[in-house]
Amino acid sequence: MTVDGVPARIGQQIDPVVAKVAVDGVPVPLLPGLVSYLAYKPVGVVSTASDPQGRPTVVELVPAEPRVFPVGRLDAASEGLLLLTNDGTLANLVTHPRYGVTKTYTVLVEGDLADRALGRLTIGVDLDDGPARAAATRLVARRPGETLVEVVMTEGRKREIRRMMEALGHPVRRLVRTAIGGVHDQALRPGAHRPLTIAEVRSLYSEAGATWQDAPAPMTEEI
């Protein structure tokens, strides 16, 4: 364990507001008031703190205080796991593509998605805002008239997976985010939430390659 980059001493007292504490080089979120939730966003709920059209938002799924913000986006027609936090450092590490925190999706598409088309997802698909590619894909099942695949992404452009599938001629019927980095919870039902554990928060910091210099910091607005 280190405090401000220096090995900690037994019995050492610290100020959690200013001290930067890390275990095995990974930051530990000690700042009072920091909260992080894992929520299951249902279809029809928007991934914003407010909506001018009056649609239900993900922040309504968690306690109103302390105020938290959604980390990244899931379009209204999609469902699955979403982080909400007031830790600005965590939000930045999870959302910015340069940190490479993966998001895993189960995607049901129309038609028989051939192995060649599945491979195209990792090679790259040209979209109107530039090429897009998946970090990994896996065939889950083929059924009459539809195919179920797992897709792992490290970036999250607007409707990216849906647009990639449409470009391949296989519109999405259902899209579910099942994991954010190593954080997952098959028992979490649509509309439900739970606090992230310290171990889960540290795992996300670790996957992003954060060091003690990337101390948790309060978040005051959406990223």
Protein backbone atom coordinates (compact mmCIF):
# COMPACT_ATOMS: atom_id res chain seq x y z
CA MET A 1 0.00 0.00 0.00
CA THR A 2 1.18 3.52 -0.79
CA VAL A 3 0.05 6.97 0.31
CA ASP A 4 0.82 9.76 -2.16
CA GLY A 5 3.19 7.39 -3.92
CA VAL A 6 5.18 6.55 -0.78
CA PRO A 7 4.96 3.16 1.04
CA ALA A 8 2.48 3.39 3.91
CA ARG A 9 3.60 2.96 7.52
CA ILE A 10 1.84 0.83 10.12
CA GLY A 11 -0.48 3.04 12.15
CA GLN A 12 -0.14 5.95 9.72
CA GLN A 13 -3.07 8.38 9.81
CA ILE A 14 -4.23 10.01 6.60
CA ASP A 15 -6.69 12.63 5.44
CA PRO A 16 -9.03 10.77 3.03
CA VAL A 17 -9.94 14.06 1.36
CA VAL A 18 -6.42 14.79 0.09
CA ALA A 19 -4.47 11.52 0.42
CA LYS A 20 -3.95 9.36 -2.66
CA VAL A 21 -4.01 5.75 -1.47
CA ALA A 22 -3.23 2.77 -3.70
CA VAL A 23 -2.91 -0.98 -3.17
CA ASP A 24 -0.61 -2.78 -5.61
CA GLY A 25 -0.54 0.48 -7.57
CA VAL A 26 -4.34 0.63 -7.99
CA PRO A 27 -6.19 3.61 -6.43
CA VAL A 28 -8.51 3.02 -3.48
CA PRO A 29 -11.63 5.26 -3.41
CA LEU A 30 -11.57 6.78 0.10
CA LEU A 31 -12.97 10.23 -0.60
CA PRO A 32 -16.07 10.72 1.58
CA GLY A 33 -19.33 10.93 -0.34
CA LEU A 34 -18.24 8.98 -3.40
CA VAL A 35 -20.96 6.56 -4.54
CA SER A 36 -21.05 4.11 -7.45
CA TYR A 37 -24.01 1.96 -8.50
CA LEU A 38 -24.54 -0.85 -10.96
CA ALA A 39 -28.01 -0.61 -12.49
CA TYR A 40 -29.94 -2.62 -15.07
CA LYS A 41 -31.43 -0.15 -17.54
CA PRO A 42 -34.72 -1.39 -18.98
CA VAL A 43 -35.83 -0.73 -22.56
CA GLY A 44 -37.47 2.70 -22.84
CA VAL A 45 -35.36 4.34 -20.14
CA VAL A 46 -32.86 6.95 -21.35
CA SER A 47 -29.24 7.10 -20.17
CA THR A 48 -29.20 10.73 -19.07
CA ALA A 49 -29.68 12.66 -15.85
CA SER A 50 -32.68 14.49 -17.32
CA ASP A 51 -34.78 14.32 -20.48
CA PRO A 52 -36.61 17.27 -22.12
CA GLN A 53 -39.16 14.83 -23.57
CA GLY A 54 -40.13 13.63 -20.12
CA ARG A 55 -39.02 10.04 -20.63
CA PRO A 56 -37.87 8.02 -17.60
CA THR A 57 -34.14 8.32 -16.91
CA VAL A 58 -31.59 5.99 -15.37
CA VAL A 59 -30.97 8.32 -12.43
CA GLU A 60 -34.55 7.57 -11.32
CA LEU A 61 -33.46 3.95 -10.75
CA VAL A 62 -31.09 4.90 -7.90
CA PRO A 63 -31.32 7.04 -4.73
CA ALA A 64 -31.60 10.80 -5.36
CA GLU A 65 -28.86 11.62 -2.86
CA PRO A 66 -26.00 11.86 -3.25
CA ARG A 67 -26.44 12.90 -6.86
CA VAL A 68 -24.85 10.55 -9.39
CA PHE A 69 -24.50 10.56 -13.16
CA PRO A 70 -24.66 7.79 -15.78
CA VAL A 71 -21.32 6.55 -17.08
CA GLY A 72 -21.57 6.27 -20.85
CA ARG A 73 -24.75 5.52 -22.75
CA LEU A 74 -27.16 2.78 -23.72
CA ASP A 75 -29.74 3.86 -26.30
CA ALA A 76 -33.38 3.80 -25.25
CA ALA A 77 -34.10 0.61 -27.22
CA SER A 78 -31.24 -1.27 -25.54
CA GLU A 79 -31.03 -2.68 -22.03
CA GLY A 80 -28.53 -3.98 -19.53
CA LEU A 81 -25.84 -2.88 -17.14
CA LEU A 82 -24.94 0.77 -16.63
CA LEU A 83 -22.75 2.48 -14.04
CA LEU A 84 -23.91 5.57 -12.18
CA THR A 85 -21.40 7.43 -10.03
CA ASN A 86 -20.22 10.76 -8.69
CA ASP A 87 -16.57 9.67 -9.03
CA GLY A 88 -15.35 11.71 -12.01
CA THR A 89 -12.10 9.79 -12.31
CA LEU A 90 -13.89 6.45 -12.51
CA ALA A 91 -16.36 7.83 -15.09
CA ASN A 92 -13.52 9.10 -17.29
CA LEU A 93 -11.54 5.85 -17.04
CA VAL A 94 -14.56 3.75 -18.02
CA THR A 95 -15.82 5.94 -20.87
CA HIS A 96 -12.67 7.14 -22.66
CA PRO A 97 -11.59 4.65 -25.38
CA ARG A 98 -7.88 5.16 -24.66
CA TYR A 99 -8.23 3.27 -21.37
CA GLY A 100 -9.66 0.20 -23.09
CA VAL A 101 -12.27 -0.79 -20.49
CA THR A 102 -14.40 -3.35 -22.30
CA LYS A 103 -18.19 -3.53 -22.52
CA THR A 104 -19.76 -6.88 -23.34
CA TYR A 105 -23.11 -7.27 -25.11
CA THR A 106 -25.43 -10.10 -26.05
CA VAL A 107 -26.98 -9.21 -29.40
CA LEU A 108 -29.89 -10.88 -31.16
CA VAL A 109 -29.97 -10.08 -34.88
CA GLU A 110 -32.26 -10.93 -37.76
CA GLY A 111 -31.22 -13.68 -40.16
CA ASP A 112 -28.38 -16.19 -40.24
CA LEU A 113 -25.24 -14.21 -39.42
CA ALA A 114 -22.53 -16.15 -41.25
CA ASP A 115 -19.09 -16.76 -39.76
CA ARG A 116 -17.59 -14.44 -42.38
CA ALA A 117 -19.92 -11.62 -41.32
CA LEU A 118 -19.12 -12.30 -37.66
CA GLY A 119 -15.44 -11.92 -38.51
CA ARG A 120 -16.13 -8.61 -40.23
CA LEU A 121 -17.12 -7.15 -36.88
CA THR A 122 -13.56 -7.52 -35.57
CA ILE A 123 -11.89 -6.62 -38.87
CA GLY A 124 -13.91 -3.42 -39.13
CA VAL A 125 -17.16 -2.11 -40.57
CA ASP A 126 -17.35 1.23 -42.38
CA LEU A 127 -19.92 3.59 -40.86
CA ASP A 128 -20.86 7.16 -41.80
CA ASP A 129 -18.69 8.50 -38.93
CA GLY A 130 -15.71 6.26 -39.65
CA PRO A 131 -14.76 2.58 -39.34
CA ALA A 132 -15.87 0.66 -36.27
CA ARG A 133 -14.67 -2.65 -34.95
CA ALA A 134 -15.35 -5.00 -32.09
CA ALA A 135 -12.57 -6.16 -29.77
CA ALA A 136 -13.99 -9.70 -29.85
CA THR A 137 -17.05 -11.63 -30.97
CA ARG A 138 -18.49 -15.06 -30.22
CA LEU A 139 -21.35 -17.01 -31.76
CA VAL A 140 -23.81 -17.99 -29.02
CA ALA A 141 -26.61 -19.64 -31.00
CA ARG A 142 -28.27 -19.83 -34.38
CA ARG A 143 -32.05 -20.12 -34.48
CA PRO A 144 -34.56 -20.09 -37.32
CA GLY A 145 -34.48 -16.55 -38.71
CA GLU A 146 -32.13 -15.09 -36.10
CA THR A 147 -28.63 -15.31 -34.61
CA LEU A 148 -27.43 -14.63 -31.06
CA VAL A 149 -23.88 -13.33 -30.68
CA GLU A 150 -21.67 -11.86 -27.97
CA VAL A 151 -19.85 -8.66 -28.88
CA VAL A 152 -17.07 -6.98 -26.86
CA MET A 153 -16.39 -3.29 -27.49
CA THR A 154 -13.85 -0.77 -26.17
CA GLU A 155 -15.60 2.33 -27.53
CA GLY A 156 -19.20 3.43 -27.45
CA ARG A 157 -20.28 5.64 -30.32
CA LYS A 158 -23.98 6.33 -30.70
CA ARG A 159 -25.87 3.14 -31.66
CA GLU A 160 -22.54 1.70 -32.79
CA ILE A 161 -23.35 -2.01 -32.60
CA ARG A 162 -26.79 -1.49 -34.15
CA ARG A 163 -25.26 0.44 -37.06
CA MET A 164 -22.54 -2.19 -37.55
CA MET A 165 -25.13 -4.96 -37.74
CA GLU A 166 -27.34 -2.95 -40.08
CA ALA A 167 -24.33 -2.41 -42.37
CA LEU A 168 -23.94 -6.19 -42.52
CA GLY A 169 -27.62 -6.65 -43.34
CA HIS A 170 -28.64 -8.03 -39.95
CA PRO A 171 -30.78 -5.53 -37.97
CA VAL A 172 -30.71 -5.89 -34.19
CA ARG A 173 -33.79 -7.30 -32.50
CA ARG A 174 -32.47 -7.12 -28.94
CA LEU A 175 -29.28 -5.75 -27.40
CA VAL A 176 -28.27 -6.34 -23.78
CA ARG A 177 -25.09 -5.10 -22.08
CA THR A 178 -23.96 -7.92 -19.80
CA ALA A 179 -20.65 -6.66 -18.40
CA ILE A 180 -18.57 -3.52 -17.92
CA GLY A 181 -14.96 -4.57 -17.65
CA GLY A 182 -14.98 -7.42 -15.17
CA VAL A 183 -18.17 -6.18 -13.48
CA HIS A 184 -21.28 -8.27 -14.15
CA ASP A 185 -24.35 -9.50 -12.27
CA GLN A 186 -26.71 -12.03 -13.83
CA ALA A 187 -29.05 -11.74 -10.84
CA LEU A 188 -29.74 -8.02 -11.37
CA ARG A 189 -33.19 -7.57 -12.89
CA PRO A 190 -34.44 -4.74 -15.16
CA GLY A 191 -34.95 -1.57 -13.12
CA ALA A 192 -32.89 -2.85 -10.16
CA HIS A 193 -29.59 -1.49 -8.86
CA ARG A 194 -26.95 -2.18 -6.22
CA PRO A 195 -23.82 -0.43 -4.96
CA LEU A 196 -20.55 -1.42 -6.56
CA THR A 197 -18.22 -3.17 -4.15
CA ILE A 198 -14.80 -1.70 -3.40
CA ALA A 199 -13.29 -4.71 -5.18
CA GLU A 200 -15.36 -3.96 -8.32
CA VAL A 201 -14.37 -0.29 -8.31
CA ARG A 202 -10.70 -1.24 -7.93
CA SER A 203 -11.04 -3.79 -10.75
CA LEU A 204 -12.26 -1.05 -13.11
CA TYR A 205 -9.41 1.26 -12.06
CA SER A 206 -7.01 -1.64 -12.62
CA GLU A 207 -8.37 -2.55 -16.07
CA ALA A 208 -8.00 1.09 -17.11
CA GLY A 209 -4.36 1.04 -16.00
CA ALA A 210 -4.92 3.73 -13.36
CA THR A 211 -2.15 4.54 -10.88
CA TRP A 212 -2.10 6.34 -7.54
CA GLN A 213 -1.89 9.61 -9.49
CA ASP A 214 -5.42 8.93 -10.83
CA ALA A 215 -7.07 9.59 -7.49
CA PRO A 216 -10.87 9.39 -7.25
CA ALA A 217 -12.36 12.86 -7.68
CA PRO A 218 -15.88 14.29 -7.27
CA MET A 219 -18.03 14.61 -10.38
CA THR A 220 -20.31 17.61 -10.79
CA GLU A 221 -21.78 17.06 -14.25
CA GLU A 222 -22.25 14.39 -16.90
CA ILE A 223 -19.27 13.29 -18.95
